[in-house]
C-alpha atoms as a PDB file:
ATOM      1  CA  THR A   1     -85.248 -47.007 -55.841  1.00  0.00           C
ATOM      2  CA  ARG A   2     -88.573 -46.393 -57.046  1.00  0.00           C
ATOM      3  CA  VAL A   3     -91.157 -49.296 -57.567  1.00  0.00           C
ATOM      4  CA  SER A   4     -94.641 -49.209 -58.871  1.00  0.00           C
ATOM      5  CA  ILE A   5     -96.664 -52.181 -57.909  1.00  0.00           C
ATOM      6  CA  GLY A   6    -100.423 -52.975 -57.636  1.00  0.00           C
ATOM      7  CA  ALA A   7    -102.827 -55.848 -57.595  1.00  0.00           C
ATOM      8  CA  ALA A   8    -106.658 -55.782 -57.330  1.00  0.00           C
ATOM      9  CA  GLY A   9    -107.765 -56.922 -53.908  1.00  0.00           C
ATOM     10  CA  VAL A  10    -104.350 -56.876 -52.355  1.00  0.00           C
ATOM     11  CA  ALA A  11    -103.561 -54.723 -49.338  1.00  0.00           C
ATOM     12  CA  GLU A  12    -101.106 -51.973 -49.474  1.00  0.00           C
ATOM     13  CA  GLN A  13     -99.100 -53.521 -46.607  1.00  0.00           C
ATOM     14  CA  THR A  14     -98.922 -56.887 -48.451  1.00  0.00           C
ATOM     15  CA  LEU A  15     -97.500 -55.168 -51.562  1.00  0.00           C
ATOM     16  CA  ARG A  16     -94.931 -53.178 -49.515  1.00  0.00           C
ATOM     17  CA  GLU A  17     -93.926 -56.564 -47.948  1.00  0.00           C
ATOM     18  CA  ILE A  18     -93.447 -58.336 -51.406  1.00  0.00           C
ATOM     19  CA  VAL A  19     -91.264 -55.309 -52.357  1.00  0.00           C
ATOM     20  CA  ASP A  20     -89.158 -55.425 -49.183  1.00  0.00           C
ATOM     21  CA  PHE A  21     -88.680 -59.228 -49.576  1.00  0.00           C
ATOM     22  CA  ALA A  22     -87.501 -58.811 -53.334  1.00  0.00           C
ATOM     23  CA  LEU A  23     -85.032 -56.122 -52.407  1.00  0.00           C
ATOM     24  CA  VAL A  24     -83.479 -58.027 -49.651  1.00  0.00           C
ATOM     25  CA  HIS A  25     -83.218 -61.346 -51.784  1.00  0.00           C
ATOM     26  CA  SER A  26     -82.196 -59.703 -55.156  1.00  0.00           C
ATOM     27  CA  PRO A  27     -78.649 -60.181 -56.038  1.00  0.00           C
ATOM     28  CA  VAL A  28     -79.050 -57.263 -58.559  1.00  0.00           C
ATOM     29  CA  ALA A  29     -80.225 -54.969 -55.767  1.00  0.00           C
ATOM     30  CA  ASP A  30     -77.500 -56.232 -53.483  1.00  0.00           C
ATOM     31  CA  GLY A  31     -74.646 -55.426 -56.111  1.00  0.00           C
ATOM     32  CA  SER A  32     -75.929 -51.902 -56.682  1.00  0.00           C
ATOM     33  CA  ARG A  33     -76.225 -51.095 -52.934  1.00  0.00           C
ATOM     34  CA  ARG A  34     -72.557 -51.959 -52.006  1.00  0.00           C
ATOM     35  CA  ALA A  35     -69.462 -51.112 -53.808  1.00  0.00           C
ATOM     36  CA  THR A  36     -67.960 -54.314 -55.588  1.00  0.00           C
ATOM     37  CA  PRO A  37     -64.255 -54.090 -55.912  1.00  0.00           C
ATOM     38  CA  THR A  38     -63.040 -54.763 -59.326  1.00  0.00           C
ATOM     39  CA  LYS A  39     -59.534 -55.187 -60.754  1.00  0.00           C
ATOM     40  CA  VAL A  40     -58.343 -55.049 -64.437  1.00  0.00           C
ATOM     41  CA  GLU A  41     -55.293 -56.911 -65.505  1.00  0.00           C
ATOM     42  CA  VAL A  42     -53.800 -56.434 -68.888  1.00  0.00           C
ATOM     43  CA  THR A  43     -51.251 -58.821 -70.136  1.00  0.00           C
ATOM     44  CA  ILE A  44     -49.554 -57.840 -73.516  1.00  0.00           C
ATOM     45  CA  ALA A  45     -48.559 -61.069 -75.380  1.00  0.00           C
END
């Protein structure tokens, strides 16, 4: 994952902590990190 982030007057460590927090709490990032089992069922009526 590549992230580009910046803010005037904000320390680099603070920006890294924001990104780390977002990655840990994001359901999108979570879903892409681990395999999510799927099943397709087809019923012909």
